C-alpha atoms as a PDB file:
ATOM      1  CA  VAL A   1      -0.966  14.389  -8.439  1.00  0.00           C
ATOM      2  CA  GLN A   2       1.466  11.531  -9.598  1.00  0.00           C
ATOM      3  CA  LEU A   3       2.273   8.008  -7.405  1.00  0.00           C
ATOM      4  CA  VAL A   4       5.091   5.492  -8.098  1.00  0.00           C
ATOM      5  CA  GLU A   5       5.648   2.730  -6.309  1.00  0.00           C
ATOM      6  CA  SER A   6       8.895   0.287  -6.523  1.00  0.00           C
ATOM      7  CA  GLY A   7      10.309  -2.406  -3.952  1.00  0.00           C
ATOM      8  CA  GLY A   8       8.267  -5.097  -5.410  1.00  0.00           C
ATOM      9  CA  GLY A   9      10.090  -8.772  -6.259  1.00  0.00           C
ATOM     10  CA  TRP A  10      10.024 -12.056  -5.586  1.00  0.00           C
ATOM     11  CA  VAL A  11      10.524 -13.510  -2.237  1.00  0.00           C
ATOM     12  CA  GLN A  12       9.962 -17.219  -0.351  1.00  0.00           C
ATOM     13  CA  PRO A  13       7.056 -17.716   1.983  1.00  0.00           C
ATOM     14  CA  GLY A  14       7.872 -16.054   5.480  1.00  0.00           C
ATOM     15  CA  GLY A  15       9.929 -13.388   3.442  1.00  0.00           C
ATOM     16  CA  SER A  16       9.927  -9.564   4.006  1.00  0.00           C
ATOM     17  CA  LEU A  17       9.597  -6.750   1.313  1.00  0.00           C
ATOM     18  CA  ARG A  18       9.191  -3.190   1.776  1.00  0.00           C
ATOM     19  CA  LEU A  19       7.065  -0.889  -0.706  1.00  0.00           C
ATOM     20  CA  SER A  20       7.526   2.254  -1.489  1.00  0.00           C
ATOM     21  CA  CYS A  21       4.926   4.935  -2.937  1.00  0.00           C
ATOM     22  CA  ARG A  22       6.384   8.286  -3.560  1.00  0.00           C
ATOM     23  CA  TYR A  23       3.621  10.638  -4.243  1.00  0.00           C
ATOM     24  CA  SER A  24       3.609  14.678  -5.524  1.00  0.00           C
ATOM     25  CA  GLY A  25       2.087  17.367  -6.692  1.00  0.00           C
ATOM     26  CA  LEU A  26      -1.015  16.693  -3.467  1.00  0.00           C
ATOM     27  CA  PRO A  27      -2.518  19.414  -3.367  1.00  0.00           C
ATOM     28  CA  PHE A  28      -2.179  19.766   0.389  1.00  0.00           C
ATOM     29  CA  SER A  29      -0.886  17.724   3.063  1.00  0.00           C
ATOM     30  CA  GLY A  30      -4.163  16.344   4.399  1.00  0.00           C
ATOM     31  CA  TYR A  31      -4.584  13.285   2.045  1.00  0.00           C
ATOM     32  CA  ASP A  32      -4.641   9.339   2.861  1.00  0.00           C
ATOM     33  CA  ILE A  33      -2.393   6.980   1.209  1.00  0.00           C
ATOM     34  CA  GLY A  34      -4.688   3.601   0.524  1.00  0.00           C
ATOM     35  CA  TRP A  35      -2.539   0.121  -0.395  1.00  0.00           C
ATOM     36  CA  PHE A  36      -4.542  -1.695  -2.894  1.00  0.00           C
ATOM     37  CA  ARG A  37      -3.543  -5.649  -4.312  1.00  0.00           C
ATOM     38  CA  GLN A  38      -5.534  -7.069  -6.786  1.00  0.00           C
ATOM     39  CA  ALA A  39      -4.494 -10.730  -7.538  1.00  0.00           C
ATOM     40  CA  PRO A  40      -4.805 -12.301 -10.934  1.00  0.00           C
ATOM     41  CA  GLY A  41      -8.588 -13.457 -11.459  1.00  0.00           C
ATOM     42  CA  LYS A  42      -9.502 -11.272  -8.122  1.00  0.00           C
ATOM     43  CA  SER A  43     -10.959  -8.157  -7.370  1.00  0.00           C
ATOM     44  CA  ARG A  44      -8.898  -5.113  -6.374  1.00  0.00           C
ATOM     45  CA  GLU A  45      -8.270  -5.615  -2.943  1.00  0.00           C
ATOM     46  CA  ARG A  46      -7.339  -2.443  -0.298  1.00  0.00           C
ATOM     47  CA  ILE A  47      -5.504  -3.672   2.542  1.00  0.00           C
ATOM     48  CA  ALA A  48      -4.301  -0.862   4.683  1.00  0.00           C
ATOM     49  CA  VAL A  49      -4.729   3.224   4.456  1.00  0.00           C
ATOM     50  CA  HIS A  50      -1.590   5.270   6.051  1.00  0.00           C
ATOM     51  CA  GLU A  51      -3.666   8.588   7.333  1.00  0.00           C
ATOM     52  CA  ALA A  52      -2.679  11.769   6.816  1.00  0.00           C
ATOM     53  CA  THR A  53      -3.200  11.781  10.762  1.00  0.00           C
ATOM     54  CA  GLY A  54      -0.350   9.383  11.381  1.00  0.00           C
ATOM     55  CA  THR A  55      -2.420   6.768  12.443  1.00  0.00           C
ATOM     56  CA  SER A  56      -3.102   3.425  10.245  1.00  0.00           C
ATOM     57  CA  TYR A  57      -5.906   0.739   9.568  1.00  0.00           C
ATOM     58  CA  TYR A  58      -5.531  -2.633   7.946  1.00  0.00           C
ATOM     59  CA  ALA A  59      -7.116  -5.348   6.480  1.00  0.00           C
ATOM     60  CA  ASP A  60      -8.145  -8.787   8.409  1.00  0.00           C
ATOM     61  CA  SER A  61      -5.975 -10.497   5.923  1.00  0.00           C
ATOM     62  CA  VAL A  62      -2.507  -8.552   6.464  1.00  0.00           C
ATOM     63  CA  LYS A  63      -3.198  -7.379  10.263  1.00  0.00           C
ATOM     64  CA  GLY A  64      -0.618  -8.422  12.071  1.00  0.00           C
ATOM     65  CA  ARG A  65       2.070  -8.519   8.858  1.00  0.00           C
ATOM     66  CA  PHE A  66       2.144  -5.725   7.747  1.00  0.00           C
ATOM     67  CA  SER A  67       2.553  -2.165   8.569  1.00  0.00           C
ATOM     68  CA  THR A  68       2.864   1.619   6.963  1.00  0.00           C
ATOM     69  CA  SER A  69       5.528   4.551   7.158  1.00  0.00           C
ATOM     70  CA  LYS A  70       5.553   7.616   6.591  1.00  0.00           C
ATOM     71  CA  ASP A  71       8.826   9.684   5.482  1.00  0.00           C
ATOM     72  CA  ASP A  72       7.434  13.463   4.694  1.00  0.00           C
ATOM     73  CA  ALA A  73      11.067  14.857   3.893  1.00  0.00           C
ATOM     74  CA  LYS A  74      10.938  11.886   1.141  1.00  0.00           C
ATOM     75  CA  ASN A  75       6.860  12.367   0.295  1.00  0.00           C
ATOM     76  CA  THR A  76       7.080   8.634   0.751  1.00  0.00           C
ATOM     77  CA  VAL A  77       4.797   6.293   2.584  1.00  0.00           C
ATOM     78  CA  TYR A  78       6.189   2.548   3.044  1.00  0.00           C
ATOM     79  CA  LEU A  79       4.212  -0.850   3.001  1.00  0.00           C
ATOM     80  CA  GLN A  80       6.364  -3.142   5.493  1.00  0.00           C
ATOM     81  CA  MET A  81       5.306  -6.791   4.648  1.00  0.00           C
ATOM     82  CA  ASN A  82       6.219  -9.404   7.076  1.00  0.00           C
ATOM     83  CA  ASN A  83       5.780 -13.399   7.385  1.00  0.00           C
ATOM     84  CA  LEU A  84       4.652 -13.307   3.786  1.00  0.00           C
ATOM     85  CA  LYS A  85       2.246 -16.200   2.433  1.00  0.00           C
ATOM     86  CA  PRO A  86       1.403 -17.349  -1.508  1.00  0.00           C
ATOM     87  CA  GLU A  87      -1.526 -16.018  -1.069  1.00  0.00           C
ATOM     88  CA  ASP A  88       0.142 -12.133  -1.233  1.00  0.00           C
ATOM     89  CA  THR A  89       0.952 -12.584  -4.266  1.00  0.00           C
ATOM     90  CA  ALA A  90      -0.533  -9.414  -6.470  1.00  0.00           C
ATOM     91  CA  VAL A  91       0.082  -6.201  -8.089  1.00  0.00           C
ATOM     92  CA  TYR A  92       0.402  -4.042  -5.491  1.00  0.00           C
ATOM     93  CA  CYS A  93      -0.701  -0.065  -6.198  1.00  0.00           C
ATOM     94  CA  CYS A  94      -1.071   2.907  -3.853  1.00  0.00           C
ATOM     95  CA  ASN A  95      -3.741   5.457  -4.053  1.00  0.00           C
ATOM     96  CA  THR A  96      -4.826   9.304  -2.526  1.00  0.00           C
ATOM     97  CA  GLY A  97      -7.547   9.539  -0.593  1.00  0.00           C
ATOM     98  CA  THR A  98      -9.947  10.557   2.727  1.00  0.00           C
ATOM     99  CA  THR A  99     -11.251   8.782   5.616  1.00  0.00           C
ATOM    100  CA  TYR A 100     -14.107   9.960   6.919  1.00  0.00           C
ATOM    101  CA  ARG A 101     -15.873   8.040   9.817  1.00  0.00           C
ATOM    102  CA  GLY A 102     -14.330   4.729   9.219  1.00  0.00           C
ATOM    103  CA  THR A 103     -14.510   4.795   5.345  1.00  0.00           C
ATOM    104  CA  TYR A 104     -11.956   5.531   2.848  1.00  0.00           C
ATOM    105  CA  TYR A 105     -12.639   7.063   0.204  1.00  0.00           C
ATOM    106  CA  GLY A 106     -10.225   7.043  -2.823  1.00  0.00           C
ATOM    107  CA  THR A 107      -9.535   9.556  -5.633  1.00  0.00           C
ATOM    108  CA  ASP A 108      -8.652   8.491  -9.264  1.00  0.00           C
ATOM    109  CA  SER A 109      -4.862   9.028  -8.345  1.00  0.00           C
ATOM    110  CA  TRP A 110      -3.064   5.926  -8.457  1.00  0.00           C
ATOM    111  CA  GLY A 111       0.602   4.450  -9.275  1.00  0.00           C
ATOM    112  CA  GLN A 112       1.503   2.006 -12.192  1.00  0.00           C
ATOM    113  CA  GLY A 113       1.959  -1.134  -9.235  1.00  0.00           C
ATOM    114  CA  THR A 114       5.043  -3.091  -8.206  1.00  0.00           C
ATOM    115  CA  GLN A 115       4.500  -6.810  -8.582  1.00  0.00           C
ATOM    116  CA  VAL A 116       4.624  -9.071  -5.828  1.00  0.00           C
ATOM    117  CA  THR A 117       5.531 -12.742  -6.219  1.00  0.00           C
ATOM    118  CA  VAL A 118       5.691 -15.185  -2.921  1.00  0.00           C
ATOM    119  CA  SER A 119       6.928 -18.548  -3.962  1.00  0.00           C
ATOM    120  CA  SER A 120       9.099 -21.334  -2.742  1.00  0.00           C
END
């Protein structure tokens, strides 16, 4: 399994970015894609999951500002980030996994990450 993130960069507070997670080598199509971020000195935080069913769920810290979508033809899941805040600054990574009874179980497959910096 290979995951490649892209789309990070610098943006001013209130701005938007769209991250991409391109996946390949999945043994079947039933995997969820989880989005995580890790800021310097902080633990990794799961912020969104795009389920194989097409639904998504989000951490409270990004709910209402971030959303996910998927393009099956491109094997890509997107993370649209709006109204970005300085506290959103982090390295963002995607991960494959499954959701069972409301709990996300990630695999060991991770992308390399993409840096998002929000500052004025």
